[in-house]
Amino acid sequence: MLTTIEGLDDHQAAPLAGRKVLIIVENLPVPFDRRVWQEARALKEAGALVSVICPTGKGHDAAYECLEGIHVYRHPLPTEASAAADYLVEYGAALYHEMRLALKVLRRHGFDVIHGCNPPDLIFLVALPFKLIGKRYVFDHHDINPELYEAKFGRQGGLHRLLRLFEWLSFKTANVVISTNESYRRIAIERGGKKPEDVFVVRSGPDLTRVKHAEPNPAHRKGRRYLVGYVGVMGDQEGIDLLLMAARHVVHTLGRDDVQFCLAGGGPSTEALKKQADNLGLADHVTFLGRVPDALLFEMLSTADVCVNPDRVNAMNDKSTMNKILEYMALGKPIVQFDVTEGRVSAADASLYAKANDPVDFAAKLLELLADPDARARMGASGRKRIETQMAWSYEIPRLIAAYRRLEHKNARAVAGKVRDQVET
């Protein structure tokens, strides 16, 4: 049995026995998508029969696998979108495959609930026909797409309004909403019109059976005294360009040759960021690991003296909880990030906070920590304690189960209401 199920009392060992759940995620393959995989495993351990529909991806190419008793169906997608026309092709293909595979899952395994994980806010279109035959829809709100659009393109306009409409329709279709933090919960209630009792916060807490400190490897330092670590998507909105500007200030403006930067992760901006690092004269001071296995990732982060989150301060990042922050804390690492609301909620005093989008102040905070080993140890220990006592995945499982119990409660009330109406007539 998973250690994560320890978040439930003994008498609740199988609270979802007999339930059948279909999870749909479009932007990442499973089990690479850690949050979705943790949810799937938790639902399975709670007694549900769980199926997942997701895209193929590097190392996850099988059209069907049964992993840990979970049925995983994968479909191809076009090349990652970069223009509006590309998004139309990608989302159209995804909806086709999701509907096709949902019908296959219904025939083979059945499902009572569709659990849709955005982005995009279009999975409600798959759920709607099944709601007509009594299935229920859980909207798992991972990203606020209108704010993401604004962060990527710097404007609102017609497409922004369309994204707001899709978001509203996702909330409207959902019987229950799962939010990743309190900021997202407020959006579901205030912008989505959901009742507070139908919105549950389930954070993406790290699974401490997976996120473990590894033996440091000095090779990651490239012969330098200090190592700064980063893990995340290599995209335009992640602020890695600001991190590279901070690195340039450290290396060239301040003349520090004792700091190495190591970045793990993949994404659409990887090659552009490598070129930027070369243009800034940082080729020897910045290592791009790419997307790597957990063993190498945690080895690098365990070697790092400080870990960083350079996400820009904008409406999207201010309200979003970044998984990298929680994983840094789980590994006992002090953090430097820009001052965003949910970043502070997560890290508290495990992090220093630089002025908004200021790479020079980011560099100053970074060097302040590198010069103070006692502060690094104190902050790292504080972050690790917060994970162990408040924010690990095991604390989120009862909230996930509570969302499903609310779904069952609402369904029971609806059935009772129909019976009462029939008796009265």
Protein backbone atom coordinates (compact mmCIF):
# COMPACT_ATOMS: atom_id res chain seq x y z
CA MET A 1 0.00 0.00 0.00
CA LEU A 2 1.22 3.53 -0.77
CA THR A 3 2.57 5.49 2.13
CA THR A 4 0.47 8.41 0.88
CA ILE A 5 -2.70 6.65 1.98
CA GLU A 6 -1.54 7.18 5.54
CA GLY A 7 -3.30 10.53 5.27
CA LEU A 8 -6.53 8.59 5.87
CA ASP A 9 -7.77 7.01 9.08
CA ASP A 10 -7.78 3.20 9.28
CA HIS A 11 -11.57 2.96 9.04
CA GLN A 12 -11.43 5.01 5.85
CA ALA A 13 -8.97 2.69 4.07
CA ALA A 14 -11.20 2.31 1.00
CA PRO A 15 -13.58 5.29 1.04
CA LEU A 16 -14.00 5.21 -2.75
CA ALA A 17 -14.59 1.47 -3.12
CA GLY A 18 -16.74 0.75 -6.15
CA ARG A 19 -16.14 4.17 -7.73
CA LYS A 20 -14.77 4.43 -11.27
CA VAL A 21 -12.77 7.53 -12.25
CA LEU A 22 -11.47 8.69 -15.63
CA ILE A 23 -8.74 11.33 -15.42
CA ILE A 24 -8.02 13.39 -18.55
CA VAL A 25 -4.87 15.52 -18.84
CA GLU A 26 -3.73 17.15 -22.08
CA ASN A 27 -0.43 18.93 -21.55
CA LEU A 28 1.83 16.19 -20.12
CA PRO A 29 2.07 12.40 -20.22
CA VAL A 30 1.43 10.24 -17.18
CA PRO A 31 3.24 9.31 -14.98
CA PHE A 32 5.58 12.21 -15.91
CA ASP A 33 2.90 14.66 -14.71
CA ARG A 34 3.61 14.20 -11.01
CA ARG A 35 0.48 15.83 -9.62
CA VAL A 36 -1.85 13.83 -11.84
CA TRP A 37 -0.01 10.59 -11.11
CA GLN A 38 -0.12 11.22 -7.35
CA GLU A 39 -3.87 11.88 -7.59
CA ALA A 40 -4.41 8.74 -9.67
CA ARG A 41 -2.47 6.59 -7.20
CA ALA A 42 -4.29 8.11 -4.21
CA LEU A 43 -7.70 7.48 -5.78
CA LYS A 44 -6.67 3.92 -6.63
CA GLU A 45 -5.48 3.31 -3.06
CA ALA A 46 -8.78 4.72 -1.79
CA GLY A 47 -10.58 1.92 -3.64
CA ALA A 48 -11.48 3.50 -6.98
CA LEU A 49 -10.91 1.94 -10.39
CA VAL A 50 -8.83 4.60 -12.16
CA SER A 51 -8.18 5.17 -15.86
CA VAL A 52 -6.13 8.01 -17.37
CA ILE A 53 -6.12 9.62 -20.81
CA CYS A 54 -3.02 11.68 -21.65
CA PRO A 55 -0.68 12.48 -24.54
CA THR A 56 2.42 10.52 -25.42
CA GLY A 57 5.77 12.05 -24.49
CA LYS A 58 9.45 11.32 -24.20
CA GLY A 59 9.81 7.90 -22.60
CA HIS A 60 6.03 7.45 -22.41
CA ASP A 61 5.09 6.31 -25.90
CA ALA A 62 2.94 3.21 -25.30
CA ALA A 63 -0.66 3.62 -26.43
CA TYR A 64 -1.80 1.60 -23.41
CA GLU A 65 -0.19 0.53 -20.15
CA CYS A 66 -1.49 -0.73 -16.84
CA LEU A 67 0.77 0.88 -14.23
CA GLU A 68 0.25 -0.01 -10.56
CA GLY A 69 -3.28 -1.12 -11.42
CA ILE A 70 -4.10 2.16 -13.21
CA HIS A 71 -5.17 1.99 -16.87
CA VAL A 72 -3.21 4.59 -18.88
CA TYR A 73 -4.30 5.39 -22.45
CA ARG A 74 -2.08 7.72 -24.49
CA HIS A 75 -2.59 9.53 -27.76
CA PRO A 76 -0.28 11.46 -30.10
CA LEU A 77 -0.34 15.25 -30.36
CA PRO A 78 1.07 17.62 -32.99
CA THR A 79 4.33 19.44 -32.29
CA GLU A 80 4.15 21.81 -29.32
CA ALA A 81 2.18 24.90 -30.23
CA SER A 82 3.81 28.30 -30.64
CA ALA A 83 1.29 30.23 -32.78
CA ALA A 84 -2.48 30.61 -32.63
CA ALA A 85 -3.04 28.25 -35.57
CA ASP A 86 -0.84 25.63 -33.89
CA TYR A 87 -2.98 25.78 -30.76
CA LEU A 88 -6.14 25.18 -32.79
CA VAL A 89 -4.60 22.09 -34.37
CA GLU A 90 -3.23 20.81 -31.03
CA TYR A 91 -6.44 21.32 -29.07
CA GLY A 92 -8.62 19.97 -31.85
CA ALA A 93 -6.52 16.81 -32.06
CA ALA A 94 -6.54 16.45 -28.27
CA LEU A 95 -10.33 16.73 -28.04
CA TYR A 96 -10.77 14.15 -30.80
CA HIS A 97 -8.47 11.64 -29.11
CA GLU A 98 -9.89 12.32 -25.64
CA MET A 99 -13.45 11.65 -26.81
CA ARG A 100 -12.37 8.57 -28.76
CA LEU A 101 -10.47 7.14 -25.80
CA ALA A 102 -13.18 8.10 -23.30
CA LEU A 103 -15.63 5.95 -25.24
CA LYS A 104 -13.09 3.11 -25.22
CA VAL A 105 -12.59 3.44 -21.45
CA LEU A 106 -16.37 3.50 -20.93
CA ARG A 107 -16.70 0.23 -22.82
CA ARG A 108 -13.71 -1.51 -21.25
CA HIS A 109 -13.70 -0.31 -17.65
CA GLY A 110 -16.55 2.13 -17.16
CA PHE A 111 -16.43 5.41 -15.23
CA ASP A 112 -18.72 7.41 -12.97
CA VAL A 113 -16.62 10.57 -12.91
CA ILE A 114 -14.49 12.47 -15.42
CA HIS A 115 -11.67 14.29 -13.64
CA GLY A 116 -10.41 16.93 -16.09
CA CYS A 117 -7.03 18.61 -15.52
CA ASN A 118 -6.37 21.87 -17.34
CA PRO A 119 -4.72 23.37 -19.35
CA PRO A 120 -6.51 23.91 -21.63
CA ASP A 121 -9.97 24.80 -20.31
CA LEU A 122 -11.64 22.66 -22.97
CA ILE A 123 -11.97 19.24 -21.36
CA PHE A 124 -15.51 20.19 -20.29
CA LEU A 125 -16.43 19.60 -23.96
CA VAL A 126 -15.54 15.93 -23.50
CA ALA A 127 -17.41 15.76 -20.19
CA LEU A 128 -20.66 17.37 -21.37
CA PRO A 129 -22.06 14.44 -23.43
CA PHE A 130 -21.31 12.03 -20.59
CA LYS A 131 -23.02 14.30 -18.06
CA LEU A 132 -26.18 13.83 -20.09
CA ILE A 133 -26.09 10.13 -19.18
CA GLY A 134 -25.46 10.72 -15.48
CA LYS A 135 -21.68 11.01 -15.24
CA ARG A 136 -20.16 13.74 -13.08
CA TYR A 137 -17.34 16.17 -13.77
CA VAL A 138 -14.50 17.25 -11.47
CA PHE A 139 -12.52 20.25 -12.74
CA ASP A 140 -8.93 20.10 -11.46
CA HIS A 141 -7.76 23.69 -11.89
CA HIS A 142 -3.99 23.63 -12.48
CA ASP A 143 -3.45 26.90 -14.40
CA ILE A 144 -5.29 30.20 -14.73
CA ASN A 145 -5.22 30.40 -18.51
CA PRO A 146 -6.45 33.99 -19.01
CA GLU A 147 -3.58 35.23 -16.83
CA LEU A 148 -1.19 32.83 -18.56
CA TYR A 149 -2.17 34.29 -21.95
CA GLU A 150 -1.63 37.81 -20.64
CA ALA A 151 1.77 36.85 -19.21
CA LYS A 152 2.91 35.25 -22.48
CA PHE A 153 1.61 37.87 -24.91
CA GLY A 154 1.40 41.02 -22.79
CA ARG A 155 -2.17 41.87 -23.78
CA GLN A 156 -5.81 40.91 -23.31
CA GLY A 157 -8.20 41.41 -26.23
CA GLY A 158 -10.51 38.94 -27.93
CA LEU A 159 -8.57 35.75 -27.23
CA HIS A 160 -8.30 36.69 -23.57
CA ARG A 161 -12.09 37.09 -23.40
CA LEU A 162 -12.50 33.72 -25.12
CA LEU A 163 -10.24 32.10 -22.53
CA ARG A 164 -12.32 33.67 -19.76
CA LEU A 165 -15.42 32.15 -21.37
CA PHE A 166 -13.85 28.68 -21.56
CA GLU A 167 -12.76 29.00 -17.93
CA TRP A 168 -16.29 29.99 -16.87
CA LEU A 169 -17.80 27.10 -18.82
CA SER A 170 -15.35 24.71 -17.15
CA PHE A 171 -16.48 25.92 -13.74
CA LYS A 172 -20.14 25.85 -14.78
CA THR A 173 -19.90 22.25 -16.03
CA ALA A 174 -18.06 21.00 -12.94
CA ASN A 175 -19.94 19.40 -10.09
CA VAL A 176 -16.89 19.92 -7.87
CA VAL A 177 -13.73 22.00 -8.37
CA ILE A 178 -10.26 21.14 -7.09
CA SER A 179 -7.98 24.17 -6.70
CA THR A 180 -4.22 24.05 -6.22
CA ASN A 181 -4.17 26.90 -3.67
CA GLU A 182 -6.34 29.50 -1.95
CA SER A 183 -5.84 32.07 -4.73
CA TYR A 184 -7.25 29.63 -7.27
CA ARG A 185 -10.09 28.77 -4.89
CA ARG A 186 -11.07 32.45 -4.77
CA ILE A 187 -11.11 32.54 -8.57
CA ALA A 188 -13.41 29.51 -8.68
CA ILE A 189 -15.82 31.18 -6.25
CA GLU A 190 -15.63 34.81 -7.40
CA ARG A 191 -15.03 34.43 -11.13
CA GLY A 192 -16.46 30.99 -11.66
CA GLY A 193 -19.54 31.38 -9.49
CA LYS A 194 -18.97 28.14 -7.57
CA LYS A 195 -20.36 27.61 -4.10
CA PRO A 196 -17.56 27.60 -1.50
CA GLU A 197 -18.58 24.14 -0.30
CA ASP A 198 -17.98 22.78 -3.83
CA VAL A 199 -14.36 23.99 -4.09
CA PHE A 200 -11.52 22.05 -2.43
CA VAL A 201 -7.87 23.06 -2.15
CA VAL A 202 -5.56 20.15 -2.95
CA ARG A 203 -1.98 21.39 -3.18
CA SER A 204 0.72 19.70 -5.25
CA GLY A 205 2.67 18.63 -2.20
CA PRO A 206 5.81 16.57 -2.82
CA ASP A 207 5.66 12.83 -2.25
CA LEU A 208 8.47 12.24 0.23
CA THR A 209 8.77 8.64 -0.92
CA ARG A 210 9.97 10.07 -4.26
CA VAL A 211 11.63 13.41 -3.46
CA LYS A 212 14.68 12.34 -1.47
CA HIS A 213 18.05 13.88 -0.74
CA ALA A 214 20.78 12.24 -2.83
CA GLU A 215 24.53 12.00 -2.39
CA PRO A 216 25.97 15.30 -3.70
CA ASN A 217 28.12 15.07 -6.81
CA PRO A 218 30.88 17.72 -6.99
CA ALA A 219 31.06 17.27 -10.77
CA HIS A 220 27.98 19.51 -11.09
CA ARG A 221 30.04 22.40 -9.69
CA LYS A 222 32.42 22.32 -12.69
CA GLY A 223 35.32 23.03 -10.34
CA ARG A 224 33.66 26.06 -8.74
CA ARG A 225 32.94 26.61 -5.06
CA TYR A 226 29.20 27.25 -5.24
CA LEU A 227 26.32 25.70 -7.20
CA VAL A 228 22.97 27.37 -7.91
CA GLY A 229 20.23 24.91 -8.95
CA TYR A 230 17.02 25.31 -10.94
CA VAL A 231 14.38 22.86 -12.15
CA GLY A 232 11.39 23.72 -14.29
CA VAL A 233 9.97 24.31 -17.73
CA MET A 234 12.14 26.20 -20.20
CA GLY A 235 9.48 28.62 -21.43
CA ASP A 236 9.10 32.33 -22.11
CA GLN A 237 7.09 33.03 -18.94
CA GLU A 238 9.36 31.20 -16.48
CA GLY A 239 11.77 34.14 -16.12
CA ILE A 240 14.91 32.14 -16.96
CA ASP A 241 16.09 35.08 -19.06
CA LEU A 242 16.05 37.13 -15.83
CA LEU A 243 18.05 34.39 -14.09
CA LEU A 244 20.65 34.53 -16.88
CA MET A 245 20.85 38.33 -16.51
CA ALA A 246 21.37 37.84 -12.77
CA ALA A 247 24.11 35.31 -13.54
CA ARG A 248 25.77 37.80 -15.89
CA HIS A 249 25.75 40.39 -13.09
CA VAL A 250 27.36 37.89 -10.71
CA VAL A 251 29.99 36.66 -13.16
CA HIS A 252 30.88 39.70 -15.25
CA THR A 253 29.80 42.83 -13.36
CA LEU A 254 30.94 41.59 -9.94
CA GLY A 255 33.75 39.39 -11.27
CA ARG A 256 32.71 36.26 -9.39
CA ASP A 257 34.22 33.16 -10.98
CA ASP A 258 33.27 30.83 -8.12
CA VAL A 259 29.55 30.31 -8.93
CA GLN A 260 28.16 27.68 -11.29
CA PHE A 261 24.51 27.65 -12.41
CA CYS A 262 22.82 24.35 -13.32
CA LEU A 263 19.37 24.30 -14.96
CA ALA A 264 17.30 21.12 -15.35
CA GLY A 265 14.20 20.87 -17.50
CA GLY A 266 13.00 21.10 -21.07
CA GLY A 267 10.63 23.27 -23.01
CA PRO A 268 10.03 25.37 -26.13
CA SER A 269 12.56 28.09 -25.20
CA THR A 270 15.51 25.80 -24.42
CA GLU A 271 17.56 26.60 -27.54
CA ALA A 272 16.82 30.34 -27.31
CA LEU A 273 17.96 30.36 -23.68
CA LYS A 274 21.18 28.50 -24.54
CA LYS A 275 21.84 31.11 -27.22
CA GLN A 276 21.16 33.90 -24.73
CA ALA A 277 23.61 32.34 -22.26
CA ASP A 278 26.26 32.22 -25.00
CA ASN A 279 25.59 35.84 -25.97
CA LEU A 280 25.95 36.89 -22.32
CA GLY A 281 29.31 35.13 -22.05
CA LEU A 282 27.95 32.50 -19.68
CA ALA A 283 28.52 29.31 -21.66
CA ASP A 284 31.10 28.10 -19.14
CA HIS A 285 29.07 29.16 -16.07
CA VAL A 286 25.62 27.77 -16.97
CA THR A 287 24.87 24.07 -17.49
CA PHE A 288 21.65 23.07 -19.24
CA LEU A 289 20.94 19.50 -18.16
CA GLY A 290 17.72 19.17 -20.15
CA ARG A 291 14.93 16.89 -18.97
CA VAL A 292 16.60 14.27 -16.78
CA PRO A 293 15.59 11.24 -14.67
CA ASP A 294 14.72 11.81 -11.03
CA ALA A 295 17.99 10.28 -9.81
CA LEU A 296 20.11 12.83 -11.71
CA LEU A 297 17.73 15.70 -10.92
CA PHE A 298 17.80 15.11 -7.17
CA GLU A 299 21.56 14.54 -7.25
CA MET A 300 22.05 17.98 -8.83
CA LEU A 301 19.61 19.73 -6.49
CA SER A 302 21.15 17.98 -3.47
CA THR A 303 24.54 19.31 -4.57
CA ALA A 304 23.26 22.88 -4.95
CA ASP A 305 23.98 25.44 -2.22
CA VAL A 306 20.96 27.56 -3.19
CA CYS A 307 17.96 26.84 -5.43
CA VAL A 308 16.16 29.52 -7.41
CA ASN A 309 12.75 30.35 -8.84
CA PRO A 310 13.02 33.30 -11.26
CA ASP A 311 9.33 33.38 -12.28
CA ARG A 312 8.34 36.92 -13.19
CA VAL A 313 5.99 38.87 -10.96
CA ASN A 314 2.75 38.97 -12.95
CA ALA A 315 -0.91 38.10 -12.41
CA MET A 316 -0.30 34.47 -13.37
CA ASN A 317 2.74 33.75 -11.21
CA ASP A 318 1.50 35.81 -8.28
CA LYS A 319 -1.48 33.47 -7.85
CA SER A 320 0.20 30.17 -8.77
CA THR A 321 2.02 27.65 -6.60
CA MET A 322 5.19 26.42 -8.27
CA ASN A 323 6.03 22.77 -7.70
CA LYS A 324 9.74 23.52 -7.84
CA ILE A 325 9.48 25.60 -4.65
CA LEU A 326 8.00 22.69 -2.72
CA GLU A 327 10.57 20.24 -4.07
CA TYR A 328 13.42 22.58 -3.09
CA MET A 329 11.95 22.73 0.41
CA ALA A 330 11.57 18.95 0.55
CA LEU A 331 15.30 18.67 -0.17
CA GLY A 332 16.12 21.18 2.57
CA LYS A 333 17.41 23.88 0.21
CA PRO A 334 17.29 27.65 0.78
CA ILE A 335 15.60 29.56 -2.02
CA VAL A 336 15.82 32.87 -3.84
CA GLN A 337 12.77 34.03 -5.79
CA PHE A 338 10.97 37.19 -6.81
CA ASP A 339 8.32 38.37 -4.36
CA VAL A 340 5.05 36.69 -5.42
CA THR A 341 2.07 36.03 -3.16
CA GLU A 342 1.83 32.25 -3.42
CA GLY A 343 5.62 31.92 -3.39
CA ARG A 344 5.61 33.48 0.08
CA VAL A 345 2.68 31.32 1.18
CA SER A 346 4.65 28.20 0.24
CA ALA A 347 8.20 29.07 1.28
CA ALA A 348 7.74 31.60 4.12
CA ASP A 349 11.16 32.04 5.76
CA ALA A 350 12.79 29.31 3.67
CA SER A 351 13.33 31.90 0.93
CA LEU A 352 14.74 35.34 0.28
CA TYR A 353 12.58 37.56 -1.94
CA ALA A 354 14.06 39.85 -4.59
CA LYS A 355 12.43 43.01 -5.93
CA ALA A 356 9.95 42.35 -8.72
CA ASN A 357 11.68 41.30 -11.94
CA ASP A 358 14.99 42.90 -10.88
CA PRO A 359 17.92 40.64 -11.86
CA VAL A 360 20.45 42.81 -10.00
CA ASP A 361 18.58 42.47 -6.71
CA PHE A 362 18.10 38.77 -7.46
CA ALA A 363 21.88 38.45 -7.81
CA ALA A 364 22.38 40.35 -4.56
CA LYS A 365 20.04 38.05 -2.64
CA LEU A 366 21.77 35.04 -4.16
CA LEU A 367 25.23 36.20 -3.12
CA GLU A 368 23.92 37.13 0.32
CA LEU A 369 22.90 33.52 0.86
CA LEU A 370 26.06 32.05 -0.61
CA ALA A 371 28.08 34.13 1.85
CA ASP A 372 26.09 32.92 4.89
CA PRO A 373 26.19 29.13 5.43
CA ASP A 374 24.34 29.45 8.76
CA ALA A 375 21.42 31.22 7.08
CA ARG A 376 21.39 28.59 4.33
CA ALA A 377 21.23 25.80 6.90
CA ARG A 378 18.54 27.56 8.94
CA MET A 379 16.35 28.33 5.92
CA GLY A 380 16.77 24.86 4.45
CA ALA A 381 15.76 23.24 7.73
CA SER A 382 12.73 25.54 8.01
CA GLY A 383 11.53 24.60 4.54
CA ARG A 384 12.01 20.90 5.14
CA LYS A 385 10.05 21.12 8.40
CA ARG A 386 7.15 22.89 6.64
CA ILE A 387 6.98 20.06 4.13
CA GLU A 388 7.20 17.33 6.76
CA THR A 389 4.58 18.87 9.06
CA GLN A 390 2.19 20.70 6.69
CA MET A 391 2.72 20.44 2.96
CA ALA A 392 3.75 16.92 1.93
CA TRP A 393 1.41 15.02 -0.39
CA SER A 394 0.18 12.84 2.48
CA TYR A 395 -1.56 15.93 3.94
CA GLU A 396 -3.41 16.54 0.65
CA ILE A 397 -4.94 13.08 0.20
CA PRO A 398 -7.78 13.61 2.75
CA ARG A 399 -8.69 16.81 0.89
CA LEU A 400 -8.79 14.96 -2.43
CA ILE A 401 -10.99 12.27 -0.89
CA ALA A 402 -13.21 14.98 0.66
CA ALA A 403 -13.79 16.45 -2.81
CA TYR A 404 -14.97 13.05 -4.05
CA ARG A 405 -17.16 12.57 -1.00
CA ARG A 406 -18.76 15.93 -1.72
CA LEU A 407 -19.43 14.68 -5.24
CA GLU A 408 -21.13 11.59 -3.84
CA HIS A 409 -23.12 13.67 -1.36
CA LYS A 410 -24.37 15.97 -4.12
CA ASN A 411 -25.29 12.99 -6.28
CA ALA A 412 -27.18 11.33 -3.43
CA ARG A 413 -29.11 14.56 -2.77
CA ALA A 414 -29.96 14.87 -6.49
CA VAL A 415 -31.23 11.28 -6.63
CA ALA A 416 -33.28 11.79 -3.47
CA GLY A 417 -34.76 14.95 -4.96
CA LYS A 418 -35.81 13.13 -8.14
CA VAL A 419 -37.42 10.35 -6.11
CA ARG A 420 -39.27 12.88 -3.97
CA ASP A 421 -40.54 14.69 -7.07
CA GLN A 422 -41.76 11.43 -8.59
CA VAL A 423 -43.59 10.50 -5.37
CA GLU A 424 -45.22 13.91 -5.14
CA THR A 425 -46.43 13.75 -8.71
